[in-house]
Every structure is written in structure tokens, then in C-alpha cells.
Amino acid sequence: MFEALKDMGAEELSELIRAAEAERQAKLDEARRQLKAEFEERAAKLNLTVDDVIREPERQRSGGKVAPKYRGPGGEEWSGRGKPPKWLVALEGSGHSRDDFKL
């Protein structure tokens, strides 16, 4: 099958590639249309629309900003959640306790 390609010139190969890509795209488009029709039919049997099925559920919004639990000597604040900030790690490294900065 591919032996014939060796005998083709650059122009012929370019045309073959263009034709093959057009055929590939046509087949993908047809498969997409069939899938969409099947999906709409199955959703209709359940009294749903396609959007009802594929729509992402709305995410719950965050509760807002968390009040700080710690305040550093320079006015830095930390809620106590997540990784401790560098200013607190440095102060703990110099002998201070985290509780020294608790609000």
C-alpha cells in the first residue's frame, strides 16, 4: 500500500495529504453529528436537554476572607491556614513561640 508513495513526487504527496486530511475531517464531522443525535435522543427519553446533562454544576463560592489568628511585629497577618509565612518561620527559628503572636 505504501510502496506507491515512494514513486510519487512532492506535489503529488502534498495533494494526497490535503485530500486525506479533508476526508478525515469529513468522517470526524459525520461521527460528531451521529454522536450528537444519539446523545440528544437518549437525553430526550429522560426528559432532559443536552445542556442539563453536560453542564457543570455551579461551584459553591468561598465563604470569604478568614480573620487573622496571628500578627507579626511588623503588622504581618496570617490566618493560621496553609503553609506558615516566612516571617513566622523566621521568628520561630529565632526562639519565639507561635503562641507569642496569637491574637
C-alpha atoms as a PDB file:
ATOM      1  CA  MET A   1       0.000   0.000   0.000  1.00  0.00           C
ATOM      2  CA  PHE A   2       2.732   2.458   0.943  1.00  0.00           C
ATOM      3  CA  GLU A   3       5.128   1.355  -1.812  1.00  0.00           C
ATOM      4  CA  ALA A   4       3.288   3.601  -4.279  1.00  0.00           C
ATOM      5  CA  LEU A   5       4.181   6.622  -2.143  1.00  0.00           C
ATOM      6  CA  LYS A   6       7.863   6.194  -2.970  1.00  0.00           C
ATOM      7  CA  ASP A   7       7.129   6.740  -6.651  1.00  0.00           C
ATOM      8  CA  MET A   8       5.155   9.973  -6.071  1.00  0.00           C
ATOM      9  CA  GLY A   9       6.636  13.432  -6.391  1.00  0.00           C
ATOM     10  CA  ALA A  10       6.458  16.152  -3.747  1.00  0.00           C
ATOM     11  CA  GLU A  11       3.440  17.824  -5.385  1.00  0.00           C
ATOM     12  CA  GLU A  12       1.526  14.551  -5.621  1.00  0.00           C
ATOM     13  CA  LEU A  13       2.286  13.751  -1.981  1.00  0.00           C
ATOM     14  CA  SER A  14       1.126  17.218  -0.888  1.00  0.00           C
ATOM     15  CA  GLU A  15      -2.136  16.782  -2.789  1.00  0.00           C
ATOM     16  CA  LEU A  16      -2.616  13.311  -1.291  1.00  0.00           C
ATOM     17  CA  ILE A  17      -2.077  14.712   2.209  1.00  0.00           C
ATOM     18  CA  ARG A  18      -4.608  17.505   1.585  1.00  0.00           C
ATOM     19  CA  ALA A  19      -7.182  15.033   0.237  1.00  0.00           C
ATOM     20  CA  ALA A  20      -6.599  12.615   3.116  1.00  0.00           C
ATOM     21  CA  GLU A  21      -6.988  15.397   5.690  1.00  0.00           C
ATOM     22  CA  ALA A  22     -10.213  16.592   4.043  1.00  0.00           C
ATOM     23  CA  GLU A  23     -11.594  13.034   4.089  1.00  0.00           C
ATOM     24  CA  ARG A  24     -10.515  12.575   7.706  1.00  0.00           C
ATOM     25  CA  GLN A  25     -12.244  15.819   8.717  1.00  0.00           C
ATOM     26  CA  ALA A  26     -15.430  14.818   6.872  1.00  0.00           C
ATOM     27  CA  LYS A  27     -15.504  11.476   8.710  1.00  0.00           C
ATOM     28  CA  LEU A  28     -14.941  13.198  12.068  1.00  0.00           C
ATOM     29  CA  ASP A  29     -17.732  15.683  11.334  1.00  0.00           C
ATOM     30  CA  GLU A  30     -20.130  12.863  10.444  1.00  0.00           C
ATOM     31  CA  ALA A  31     -19.210  10.896  13.572  1.00  0.00           C
ATOM     32  CA  ARG A  32     -19.747  14.048  15.658  1.00  0.00           C
ATOM     33  CA  ARG A  33     -23.193  14.600  14.081  1.00  0.00           C
ATOM     34  CA  GLN A  34     -24.204  10.999  14.749  1.00  0.00           C
ATOM     35  CA  LEU A  35     -22.992  11.145  18.329  1.00  0.00           C
ATOM     36  CA  LYS A  36     -24.843  14.401  18.950  1.00  0.00           C
ATOM     37  CA  ALA A  37     -28.074  12.976  17.516  1.00  0.00           C
ATOM     38  CA  GLU A  38     -27.751   9.827  19.627  1.00  0.00           C
ATOM     39  CA  PHE A  39     -26.997  11.880  22.716  1.00  0.00           C
ATOM     40  CA  GLU A  40     -29.993  14.183  22.135  1.00  0.00           C
ATOM     41  CA  GLU A  41     -32.251  11.161  21.612  1.00  0.00           C
ATOM     42  CA  ARG A  42     -31.109   9.472  24.828  1.00  0.00           C
ATOM     43  CA  ALA A  43     -31.419  12.713  26.815  1.00  0.00           C
ATOM     44  CA  ALA A  44     -34.941  13.305  25.454  1.00  0.00           C
ATOM     45  CA  LYS A  45     -36.013   9.860  26.686  1.00  0.00           C
ATOM     46  CA  LEU A  46     -35.126  11.060  30.183  1.00  0.00           C
ATOM     47  CA  ASN A  47     -36.865  14.432  29.674  1.00  0.00           C
ATOM     48  CA  LEU A  48     -33.507  16.203  29.732  1.00  0.00           C
ATOM     49  CA  THR A  49     -31.722  18.522  27.372  1.00  0.00           C
ATOM     50  CA  VAL A  50     -28.123  18.087  26.358  1.00  0.00           C
ATOM     51  CA  ASP A  51     -27.247  21.140  28.473  1.00  0.00           C
ATOM     52  CA  ASP A  52     -28.866  19.502  31.515  1.00  0.00           C
ATOM     53  CA  VAL A  53     -26.542  16.543  31.101  1.00  0.00           C
ATOM     54  CA  ILE A  54     -23.233  18.177  30.237  1.00  0.00           C
ATOM     55  CA  ARG A  55     -23.441  21.430  32.174  1.00  0.00           C
ATOM     56  CA  GLU A  56     -21.017  21.550  35.075  1.00  0.00           C
ATOM     57  CA  PRO A  57     -22.708  22.025  38.437  1.00  0.00           C
ATOM     58  CA  GLU A  58     -22.168  25.502  39.790  1.00  0.00           C
ATOM     59  CA  ARG A  59     -19.362  25.634  42.284  1.00  0.00           C
ATOM     60  CA  GLN A  60     -20.096  26.931  45.703  1.00  0.00           C
ATOM     61  CA  ARG A  61     -18.420  30.241  46.309  1.00  0.00           C
ATOM     62  CA  SER A  62     -15.881  30.520  49.072  1.00  0.00           C
ATOM     63  CA  GLY A  63     -17.054  31.883  52.381  1.00  0.00           C
ATOM     64  CA  GLY A  64     -14.882  34.946  52.104  1.00  0.00           C
ATOM     65  CA  LYS A  65     -11.712  36.072  53.778  1.00  0.00           C
ATOM     66  CA  VAL A  66     -10.706  34.364  57.016  1.00  0.00           C
ATOM     67  CA  ALA A  67      -9.894  36.510  60.026  1.00  0.00           C
ATOM     68  CA  PRO A  68      -6.212  36.526  61.038  1.00  0.00           C
ATOM     69  CA  LYS A  69      -5.154  34.441  64.042  1.00  0.00           C
ATOM     70  CA  TYR A  70      -1.551  35.628  64.168  1.00  0.00           C
ATOM     71  CA  ARG A  71       0.060  39.060  63.856  1.00  0.00           C
ATOM     72  CA  GLY A  72       3.780  39.649  63.492  1.00  0.00           C
ATOM     73  CA  PRO A  73       5.819  42.512  64.961  1.00  0.00           C
ATOM     74  CA  GLY A  74       5.740  44.354  61.623  1.00  0.00           C
ATOM     75  CA  GLY A  75       1.940  44.092  61.331  1.00  0.00           C
ATOM     76  CA  GLU A  76       2.020  40.985  59.127  1.00  0.00           C
ATOM     77  CA  GLU A  77      -1.045  38.781  59.490  1.00  0.00           C
ATOM     78  CA  TRP A  78      -1.706  35.083  58.993  1.00  0.00           C
ATOM     79  CA  SER A  79      -4.999  33.199  59.279  1.00  0.00           C
ATOM     80  CA  GLY A  80      -3.361  30.026  60.564  1.00  0.00           C
ATOM     81  CA  ARG A  81      -4.334  28.141  57.420  1.00  0.00           C
ATOM     82  CA  GLY A  82      -1.931  26.687  54.918  1.00  0.00           C
ATOM     83  CA  LYS A  83       1.833  26.958  54.978  1.00  0.00           C
ATOM     84  CA  PRO A  84       3.168  29.323  57.674  1.00  0.00           C
ATOM     85  CA  PRO A  85       4.504  32.577  56.230  1.00  0.00           C
ATOM     86  CA  LYS A  86       8.237  33.260  56.085  1.00  0.00           C
ATOM     87  CA  TRP A  87       8.096  35.922  58.795  1.00  0.00           C
ATOM     88  CA  LEU A  88       6.616  33.436  61.275  1.00  0.00           C
ATOM     89  CA  VAL A  89       9.020  30.644  60.334  1.00  0.00           C
ATOM     90  CA  ALA A  90      11.953  33.040  60.828  1.00  0.00           C
ATOM     91  CA  LEU A  91      10.668  34.167  64.226  1.00  0.00           C
ATOM     92  CA  GLU A  92      10.097  30.572  65.322  1.00  0.00           C
ATOM     93  CA  GLY A  93      13.633  29.784  64.191  1.00  0.00           C
ATOM     94  CA  SER A  94      14.983  32.544  66.418  1.00  0.00           C
ATOM     95  CA  GLY A  95      13.364  31.044  69.514  1.00  0.00           C
ATOM     96  CA  HIS A  96       9.900  32.626  69.547  1.00  0.00           C
ATOM     97  CA  SER A  97       6.768  30.558  70.013  1.00  0.00           C
ATOM     98  CA  ARG A  98       3.896  30.733  67.582  1.00  0.00           C
ATOM     99  CA  ASP A  99       1.640  31.485  70.547  1.00  0.00           C
ATOM    100  CA  ASP A 100       3.586  34.731  71.141  1.00  0.00           C
ATOM    101  CA  PHE A 101       1.903  36.133  68.023  1.00  0.00           C
ATOM    102  CA  LYS A 102      -1.585  34.700  68.522  1.00  0.00           C
ATOM    103  CA  LEU A 103      -4.372  37.282  68.569  1.00  0.00           C
END
